[in-house]
Amino acid sequence: MPKKSSRRDIIKSGLSAGGLAMAGWSALGRADSSRFTDQTVRVGLIGCGNRGLAHILAMKALKNIKIVAICDTYRNHRNRGLAANMGGKGYSNYKELLADQTIDAVAIATPLDRHYQIAWDALDEGKHVFCEKTMTYDVAQAASLVQKVRDTGLIFQTGYQYPYNSIFKKVRKIIQDGNLGQIVNVECQWNRNGDWRRSVSDPAREREVNWRMYREYSKGLMAELGCHHLDYVNDVLKAYPVRATGFGGINYWKDGRETYDNISTLFSYENGVKTSFTSLTANAYDGFAIRFKGDKGTIRLTDSEAYYVEEGSYFVDDFDALSGATSSQNCGGTPIPGDRLSDATVNSFAAFREAIHSGQQPISDVVRGAKGVAIVSMTVDAMLKGSIETWKPEYNFDS
């Protein structure tokens, strides 16, 4: 019988040569950029809200990629971005930014409903594209964008951070190497306690600034938060859910919003694994978490740490309805080292820079982004219609 791996052996496997190649952003930003000393990627940032500011800080931490122009229709956001970037051209119309032939690529951090047209126009102008998630508002737009990228041959990266975080990469390897045994269930959540509204000085711009609250612009909690978790779970499981369902409502924040303030969703995979995603806005208990449960152990991920828990169970002959037929012997948790999830934004822009220089599409490419759109659409449709939605062949986005 093969020797059972210890927790230490499993954690060490995450620090193998492959794991070290996925080191934190500081090593990545300094070690590989020397090859591009005269090949700085010049980026135009379109959309400079909070996420756009994160793009600025990420690219400022890297060599050989630089924001040279910032566009936002909201003057306060535009000026704030130019100040944080310490320079660059300012635009209120993104098409004027795209017309600048000295710009190599764009980063899109606008409201969701604007992603598709801006990305399409950028590709038309010969710009590489980094587009925040969810990639497009609907599946038809996603399919169109996949074909556009294939036609142009330009680099397209969807803004998922988990593929570029060292802890998340180690956890994926630990699970795919079989150290948790057969995965039987995955629990995901992203809970907060707050209305998610931003203050607006001009009431006429309330919907524009608080776009996440309105269905015209947003797909709500699943598109803003859940898509990250499901993208990662699908990557780890090497599969996409065949069915999705869920419930949501506006049950706490009675403030005129149209997108749900709480959702509870469920996904079923072909091999029987069930995954859940819950998001609350009126209770932040346990906040951000992903728990992979296998018949040999469990891994619990947060936005700053991960723990591997070895588990054993034994059959209990004498039991009642409350105690159950098995009793768990929890051996405690072993931390899995790595960088914080917040550093992954820097890593992702380093990968974008690498993809442009190599000509190879990144891990989080346009097809992966399109499949994320399909999952969000399935889930939101299921909640709105009270249905069970199924994965369709066209969601594979094959050429």
Protein backbone atom coordinates (compact mmCIF):
# COMPACT_ATOMS: atom_id res chain seq x y z
CA MET A 1 0.00 0.00 0.00
CA PRO A 2 1.44 3.41 -0.92
CA LYS A 3 2.56 5.56 1.99
CA LYS A 4 0.02 8.21 2.93
CA SER A 5 1.29 11.75 2.38
CA SER A 6 1.69 13.84 5.49
CA ARG A 7 0.53 17.43 5.73
CA ARG A 8 4.15 18.53 5.50
CA ASP A 9 4.68 16.50 2.30
CA ILE A 10 1.57 18.02 0.76
CA ILE A 11 2.53 21.58 1.65
CA LYS A 12 6.05 20.98 0.32
CA SER A 13 4.54 19.85 -2.98
CA GLY A 14 3.13 23.34 -3.32
CA LEU A 15 6.69 24.69 -3.08
CA SER A 16 8.07 22.56 -5.89
CA ALA A 17 9.81 24.04 -8.90
CA GLY A 18 6.41 24.66 -10.42
CA GLY A 19 5.23 26.42 -7.28
CA LEU A 20 8.34 28.58 -7.07
CA ALA A 21 7.82 29.62 -10.67
CA MET A 22 4.55 31.14 -9.49
CA ALA A 23 6.21 33.27 -6.79
CA GLY A 24 4.86 36.60 -5.57
CA TRP A 25 4.79 39.77 -7.62
CA SER A 26 8.00 41.27 -6.26
CA ALA A 27 10.08 38.42 -7.66
CA LEU A 28 8.09 38.33 -10.89
CA GLY A 29 8.30 42.04 -11.44
CA ARG A 30 12.08 42.18 -10.95
CA ALA A 31 13.32 38.90 -12.32
CA ASP A 32 11.80 38.79 -15.77
CA SER A 33 11.49 42.44 -16.75
CA SER A 34 15.16 42.88 -17.66
CA ARG A 35 14.44 41.29 -21.02
CA PHE A 36 12.14 44.15 -21.91
CA THR A 37 14.18 47.17 -20.87
CA ASP A 38 13.48 48.92 -24.18
CA GLN A 39 10.03 47.44 -24.78
CA THR A 40 7.73 49.21 -22.35
CA VAL A 41 4.06 48.40 -22.93
CA ARG A 42 2.18 51.70 -23.08
CA VAL A 43 -1.32 51.35 -21.64
CA GLY A 44 -4.44 53.49 -21.80
CA LEU A 45 -6.73 53.02 -18.78
CA ILE A 46 -10.45 53.32 -19.54
CA GLY A 47 -12.51 53.69 -16.38
CA CYS A 48 -10.97 55.05 -13.21
CA GLY A 49 -13.21 54.17 -10.32
CA ASN A 50 -11.86 52.11 -7.42
CA ARG A 51 -10.92 49.20 -9.68
CA GLY A 52 -9.20 51.52 -12.13
CA LEU A 53 -7.15 52.94 -9.26
CA ALA A 54 -6.07 49.38 -8.41
CA HIS A 55 -4.88 49.01 -12.02
CA ILE A 56 -2.78 52.16 -11.65
CA LEU A 57 -1.13 50.97 -8.44
CA ALA A 58 -0.48 47.52 -9.90
CA MET A 59 1.23 48.79 -13.04
CA LYS A 60 3.26 51.34 -11.08
CA ALA A 61 4.75 48.40 -9.15
CA LEU A 62 6.05 46.80 -12.36
CA LYS A 63 8.74 47.60 -14.88
CA ASN A 64 8.15 47.78 -18.63
CA ILE A 65 4.45 48.52 -18.44
CA LYS A 66 3.18 52.07 -18.00
CA ILE A 67 -0.13 53.89 -18.03
CA VAL A 68 0.24 56.85 -20.39
CA ALA A 69 -3.42 57.90 -20.72
CA ILE A 70 -6.55 57.77 -18.55
CA CYS A 71 -10.16 58.09 -19.66
CA ASP A 72 -13.24 58.51 -17.52
CA THR A 73 -16.48 60.35 -18.24
CA TYR A 74 -16.57 61.41 -14.59
CA ARG A 75 -14.11 64.30 -14.19
CA ASN A 76 -13.45 63.65 -10.49
CA HIS A 77 -12.45 60.05 -11.23
CA ARG A 78 -10.30 61.11 -14.17
CA ASN A 79 -8.42 63.72 -12.17
CA ARG A 80 -7.96 61.37 -9.23
CA GLY A 81 -6.51 58.77 -11.58
CA LEU A 82 -4.13 61.20 -13.24
CA ALA A 83 -2.90 62.28 -9.81
CA ALA A 84 -2.37 58.69 -8.65
CA ASN A 85 -0.57 57.85 -11.90
CA MET A 86 1.56 61.00 -11.55
CA GLY A 87 0.96 62.00 -15.14
CA GLY A 88 -0.47 60.95 -18.49
CA LYS A 89 -3.05 62.32 -20.89
CA GLY A 90 -6.63 62.72 -19.75
CA TYR A 91 -9.68 61.91 -21.89
CA SER A 92 -13.43 62.01 -21.39
CA ASN A 93 -14.13 60.04 -24.62
CA TYR A 94 -12.50 56.63 -24.90
CA LYS A 95 -12.48 56.75 -28.71
CA GLU A 96 -10.08 59.68 -28.57
CA LEU A 97 -7.77 57.61 -26.37
CA LEU A 98 -7.97 54.67 -28.82
CA ALA A 99 -6.97 56.97 -31.67
CA ASP A 100 -3.57 57.54 -30.06
CA GLN A 101 -1.29 55.26 -32.07
CA THR A 102 1.46 55.38 -29.43
CA ILE A 103 -0.74 53.34 -27.06
CA ASP A 104 -0.12 49.58 -27.27
CA ALA A 105 -2.88 48.26 -25.02
CA VAL A 106 -5.90 49.25 -22.98
CA ALA A 107 -7.14 48.23 -19.55
CA ILE A 108 -10.93 48.37 -19.25
CA ALA A 109 -12.38 48.98 -15.76
CA THR A 110 -15.73 50.52 -16.67
CA PRO A 111 -19.23 49.38 -15.64
CA LEU A 112 -20.06 45.93 -17.02
CA ASP A 113 -22.47 47.02 -19.72
CA ARG A 114 -19.72 49.02 -21.47
CA HIS A 115 -17.05 46.29 -21.60
CA TYR A 116 -18.06 44.77 -24.91
CA GLN A 117 -18.17 47.85 -27.13
CA ILE A 118 -14.99 49.34 -25.71
CA ALA A 119 -13.12 46.05 -26.08
CA TRP A 120 -14.38 45.63 -29.65
CA ASP A 121 -13.34 49.15 -30.61
CA ALA A 122 -9.93 48.70 -28.98
CA LEU A 123 -9.28 45.52 -30.98
CA ASP A 124 -10.39 47.38 -34.11
CA GLU A 125 -7.69 49.96 -33.35
CA GLY A 126 -5.04 47.27 -32.98
CA LYS A 127 -4.78 47.50 -29.17
CA HIS A 128 -4.21 44.55 -26.87
CA VAL A 129 -6.93 44.35 -24.22
CA PHE A 130 -7.06 43.70 -20.48
CA CYS A 131 -10.77 43.64 -19.60
CA GLU A 132 -12.18 43.40 -16.11
CA LYS A 133 -14.61 40.64 -15.28
CA THR A 134 -17.35 39.81 -15.97
CA MET A 135 -16.04 40.08 -19.52
CA THR A 136 -19.32 41.03 -21.22
CA TYR A 137 -22.94 41.58 -20.24
CA ASP A 138 -24.33 38.56 -22.11
CA VAL A 139 -23.33 35.38 -23.92
CA ALA A 140 -23.91 36.74 -27.44
CA GLN A 141 -21.42 39.53 -26.77
CA ALA A 142 -18.95 37.03 -25.34
CA ALA A 143 -19.13 34.81 -28.43
CA SER A 144 -18.66 37.82 -30.69
CA LEU A 145 -15.62 38.97 -28.75
CA VAL A 146 -14.04 35.50 -28.84
CA GLN A 147 -14.26 35.54 -32.63
CA LYS A 148 -12.93 39.10 -32.81
CA VAL A 149 -9.83 38.16 -30.83
CA ARG A 150 -9.25 35.16 -33.08
CA ASP A 151 -9.60 37.34 -36.16
CA THR A 152 -7.19 40.03 -34.96
CA GLY A 153 -4.64 37.79 -33.23
CA LEU A 154 -4.28 40.41 -30.48
CA ILE A 155 -3.75 39.60 -26.80
CA PHE A 156 -6.87 39.57 -24.65
CA GLN A 157 -6.82 38.98 -20.89
CA THR A 158 -9.84 38.77 -18.62
CA GLY A 159 -9.37 40.29 -15.18
CA TYR A 160 -9.56 37.26 -12.92
CA GLN A 161 -6.95 37.52 -10.16
CA TYR A 162 -7.00 34.03 -8.62
CA PRO A 163 -5.01 32.36 -11.45
CA TYR A 164 -2.11 34.70 -10.63
CA ASN A 165 -1.98 34.28 -6.85
CA SER A 166 0.64 31.93 -5.40
CA ILE A 167 -1.58 30.48 -2.64
CA PHE A 168 -4.39 29.72 -5.07
CA LYS A 169 -1.92 28.08 -7.46
CA LYS A 170 -0.50 25.89 -4.71
CA VAL A 171 -3.96 24.84 -3.59
CA ARG A 172 -4.89 23.93 -7.16
CA LYS A 173 -1.79 21.73 -7.44
CA ILE A 174 -2.42 20.07 -4.06
CA ILE A 175 -5.98 19.18 -5.07
CA GLN A 176 -5.17 18.12 -8.64
CA ASP A 177 -2.36 15.90 -7.33
CA GLY A 178 -5.03 13.99 -5.40
CA ASN A 179 -4.00 14.97 -1.89
CA LEU A 180 -7.58 15.66 -0.81
CA GLY A 181 -8.74 12.44 -2.42
CA GLN A 182 -12.01 12.63 -4.34
CA ILE A 183 -13.58 16.07 -4.13
CA VAL A 184 -17.19 15.69 -3.04
CA ASN A 185 -18.28 19.27 -2.34
CA VAL A 186 -17.14 22.90 -2.64
CA GLU A 187 -18.56 25.75 -0.57
CA CYS A 188 -17.98 29.36 -1.64
CA GLN A 189 -19.05 32.62 -0.07
CA TRP A 190 -18.33 36.33 -0.19
CA ASN A 191 -20.23 38.12 2.55
CA ARG A 192 -20.17 41.81 3.40
CA ASN A 193 -22.12 44.14 5.65
CA GLY A 194 -22.80 47.37 3.79
CA ASP A 195 -25.09 48.76 1.12
CA TRP A 196 -22.32 48.97 -1.53
CA ARG A 197 -23.45 52.47 -2.46
CA ARG A 198 -21.11 55.32 -3.23
CA SER A 199 -21.87 58.93 -2.36
CA VAL A 200 -22.75 61.09 -5.36
CA SER A 201 -22.34 64.88 -5.42
CA ASP A 202 -24.54 65.23 -8.51
CA PRO A 203 -27.89 63.37 -8.17
CA ALA A 204 -28.16 63.23 -11.96
CA ARG A 205 -25.22 60.82 -12.00
CA GLU A 206 -26.50 58.51 -9.27
CA ARG A 207 -27.22 55.57 -11.60
CA GLU A 208 -23.93 56.04 -13.41
CA VAL A 209 -21.89 55.98 -10.20
CA ASN A 210 -23.94 53.26 -8.49
CA TRP A 211 -24.32 51.17 -11.63
CA ARG A 212 -23.98 47.87 -9.72
CA MET A 213 -27.46 48.46 -8.29
CA TYR A 214 -29.27 48.50 -11.64
CA ARG A 215 -29.96 45.63 -14.04
CA GLU A 216 -29.47 47.85 -17.07
CA TYR A 217 -25.75 48.01 -16.25
CA SER A 218 -25.02 45.10 -13.93
CA LYS A 219 -25.66 41.41 -13.25
CA GLY A 220 -25.26 42.00 -9.52
CA LEU A 221 -23.44 39.92 -6.92
CA MET A 222 -22.85 36.93 -9.18
CA ALA A 223 -21.13 39.04 -11.83
CA GLU A 224 -19.14 41.16 -9.39
CA LEU A 225 -18.11 38.54 -6.83
CA GLY A 226 -19.33 35.02 -7.58
CA CYS A 227 -17.72 34.87 -11.01
CA HIS A 228 -14.26 34.93 -9.35
CA HIS A 229 -15.02 31.95 -7.12
CA LEU A 230 -16.66 29.85 -9.84
CA ASP A 231 -13.86 30.56 -12.31
CA TYR A 232 -11.37 29.20 -9.78
CA VAL A 233 -13.46 26.19 -8.80
CA ASN A 234 -13.90 25.27 -12.47
CA ASP A 235 -10.15 25.58 -13.01
CA VAL A 236 -9.38 23.31 -10.05
CA LEU A 237 -12.03 20.73 -11.01
CA LYS A 238 -11.11 20.97 -14.73
CA ALA A 239 -14.82 21.11 -15.51
CA TYR A 240 -17.79 23.42 -15.87
CA PRO A 241 -21.16 22.94 -14.15
CA VAL A 242 -23.83 21.17 -16.14
CA ARG A 243 -26.67 22.72 -14.12
CA ALA A 244 -27.15 25.92 -12.12
CA THR A 245 -29.94 27.24 -9.94
CA GLY A 246 -30.37 29.69 -7.10
CA PHE A 247 -32.40 32.21 -5.19
CA GLY A 248 -31.95 35.90 -4.54
CA GLY A 249 -33.85 38.89 -3.34
CA ILE A 250 -33.89 42.51 -2.26
CA ASN A 251 -34.69 41.76 1.35
CA TYR A 252 -32.64 44.21 3.37
CA TRP A 253 -31.55 47.32 1.45
CA LYS A 254 -34.87 48.91 0.49
CA ASP A 255 -33.24 51.77 -1.38
CA GLY A 256 -34.49 51.47 -4.94
CA ARG A 257 -31.87 49.01 -6.15
CA GLU A 258 -32.79 46.43 -8.78
CA THR A 259 -30.02 43.86 -8.35
CA TYR A 260 -30.31 41.42 -5.44
CA ASP A 261 -28.78 42.21 -2.05
CA ASN A 262 -28.37 38.50 -1.25
CA ILE A 263 -27.98 35.36 -3.34
CA SER A 264 -27.66 31.63 -2.64
CA THR A 265 -26.75 29.52 -5.66
CA LEU A 266 -25.99 25.88 -6.41
CA PHE A 267 -24.06 24.21 -9.23
CA SER A 268 -23.89 20.55 -10.22
CA TYR A 269 -21.01 18.99 -12.16
CA GLU A 270 -21.11 15.93 -14.38
CA ASN A 271 -19.13 13.86 -11.86
CA GLY A 272 -21.63 14.66 -9.09
CA VAL A 273 -19.72 17.41 -7.28
CA LYS A 274 -21.97 20.16 -5.95
CA THR A 275 -20.69 23.71 -5.51
CA SER A 276 -22.51 26.49 -3.69
CA PHE A 277 -21.96 30.24 -3.71
CA THR A 278 -23.56 32.57 -1.18
CA SER A 279 -23.21 36.34 -1.03
CA LEU A 280 -24.76 38.57 1.63
CA THR A 281 -24.61 42.34 2.01
CA ALA A 282 -26.06 42.58 5.51
CA ASN A 283 -23.87 40.09 7.39
CA ALA A 284 -20.12 39.70 6.91
CA TYR A 285 -19.61 36.54 8.97
CA ASP A 286 -16.65 34.51 7.61
CA GLY A 287 -16.40 37.05 4.76
CA PHE A 288 -14.51 35.57 1.83
CA ALA A 289 -14.07 31.79 1.80
CA ILE A 290 -13.73 28.75 -0.45
CA ARG A 291 -13.75 25.27 1.09
CA PHE A 292 -12.78 22.23 -0.98
CA LYS A 293 -13.95 19.03 0.69
CA GLY A 294 -12.47 15.67 -0.29
CA ASP A 295 -12.69 12.20 1.21
CA LYS A 296 -9.11 12.58 2.51
CA GLY A 297 -9.14 16.16 3.69
CA THR A 298 -10.30 19.75 3.36
CA ILE A 299 -8.69 23.01 2.25
CA ARG A 300 -10.08 26.34 3.44
CA LEU A 301 -9.12 29.43 1.47
CA THR A 302 -9.61 33.06 2.42
CA ASP A 303 -8.39 36.21 0.68
CA SER A 304 -5.16 36.13 2.69
CA GLU A 305 -4.48 32.56 3.75
CA ALA A 306 -5.22 28.88 3.21
CA TYR A 307 -5.24 25.91 5.56
CA TYR A 308 -5.00 22.21 4.84
CA VAL A 309 -6.92 20.04 7.30
CA GLU A 310 -6.28 16.30 7.46
CA GLU A 311 -9.36 14.36 8.35
CA GLY A 312 -10.11 10.78 9.25
CA SER A 313 -13.38 9.20 10.17
CA TYR A 314 -14.46 5.96 11.73
CA PHE A 315 -17.76 4.12 11.79
CA VAL A 316 -19.78 4.39 14.97
CA ASP A 317 -21.83 1.29 15.72
CA ASP A 318 -23.95 2.88 18.43
CA PHE A 319 -25.35 6.17 17.24
CA ASP A 320 -28.51 8.18 17.32
CA ALA A 321 -30.13 10.57 14.88
CA LEU A 322 -28.23 13.55 16.28
CA SER A 323 -24.68 12.15 16.41
CA GLY A 324 -24.68 10.52 12.98
CA ALA A 325 -22.95 7.37 11.80
CA THR A 326 -19.41 8.70 11.68
CA SER A 327 -17.25 10.81 13.90
CA SER A 328 -14.59 13.11 12.49
CA GLN A 329 -11.05 13.11 13.87
CA ASN A 330 -9.82 16.58 12.96
CA CYS A 331 -6.03 16.77 13.01
CA GLY A 332 -5.89 20.56 12.91
CA GLY A 333 -4.93 22.91 10.14
CA THR A 334 -1.59 23.53 8.44
CA PRO A 335 -1.13 26.94 6.80
CA ILE A 336 -0.19 27.08 3.12
CA PRO A 337 2.23 30.00 2.60
CA GLY A 338 2.03 32.53 -0.19
CA ASP A 339 1.19 36.12 -1.07
CA ARG A 340 -2.08 37.92 -0.34
CA LEU A 341 -4.81 37.90 -2.95
CA SER A 342 -4.48 41.67 -3.26
CA ASP A 343 -1.02 41.17 -4.78
CA ALA A 344 -2.54 39.12 -7.60
CA THR A 345 -3.59 42.24 -9.48
CA VAL A 346 0.09 43.08 -9.89
CA ASN A 347 0.80 39.50 -10.96
CA SER A 348 -1.99 39.63 -13.52
CA PHE A 349 -0.60 42.75 -15.18
CA ALA A 350 2.85 41.17 -15.22
CA ALA A 351 1.25 38.24 -17.06
CA PHE A 352 -0.46 40.66 -19.46
CA ARG A 353 2.89 42.29 -20.20
CA GLU A 354 4.47 38.86 -20.74
CA ALA A 355 1.69 37.80 -23.10
CA ILE A 356 2.13 40.91 -25.24
CA HIS A 357 5.88 40.35 -25.53
CA SER A 358 5.63 36.62 -26.19
CA GLY A 359 2.58 36.76 -28.46
CA GLN A 360 1.01 33.91 -26.46
CA GLN A 361 -2.48 34.31 -25.01
CA PRO A 362 -2.54 34.46 -21.17
CA ILE A 363 -4.02 31.85 -18.85
CA SER A 364 -7.10 33.99 -18.27
CA ASP A 365 -7.82 34.44 -21.96
CA VAL A 366 -10.92 35.50 -23.88
CA VAL A 367 -12.40 31.97 -23.97
CA ARG A 368 -12.05 31.60 -20.20
CA GLY A 369 -13.65 35.00 -19.84
CA ALA A 370 -16.51 33.97 -22.14
CA LYS A 371 -17.20 30.80 -20.14
CA GLY A 372 -17.40 32.97 -17.04
CA VAL A 373 -20.06 35.05 -18.79
CA ALA A 374 -22.01 31.87 -19.51
CA ILE A 375 -21.97 30.83 -15.85
CA VAL A 376 -23.08 34.26 -14.66
CA SER A 377 -25.87 34.30 -17.26
CA MET A 378 -27.02 30.79 -16.31
CA THR A 379 -27.14 31.67 -12.63
CA VAL A 380 -28.84 35.05 -12.96
CA ASP A 381 -31.41 33.60 -15.37
CA ALA A 382 -32.11 30.75 -12.92
CA MET A 383 -32.68 33.18 -10.06
CA LEU A 384 -34.92 35.51 -12.09
CA LYS A 385 -36.98 32.70 -13.62
CA GLY A 386 -37.00 30.26 -10.71
CA SER A 387 -35.53 27.61 -12.99
CA ILE A 388 -32.64 25.19 -13.37
CA GLU A 389 -30.40 26.31 -16.23
CA THR A 390 -28.15 23.90 -18.14
CA TRP A 391 -24.75 24.27 -19.79
CA LYS A 392 -25.18 24.48 -23.57
CA PRO A 393 -22.70 23.26 -26.21
CA GLU A 394 -22.27 26.80 -27.53
CA TYR A 395 -20.87 27.83 -24.14
CA ASN A 396 -17.67 25.96 -24.98
CA PHE A 397 -16.94 28.75 -27.51
CA ASP A 398 -15.19 26.40 -29.91
CA SER A 399 -13.98 27.87 -33.18
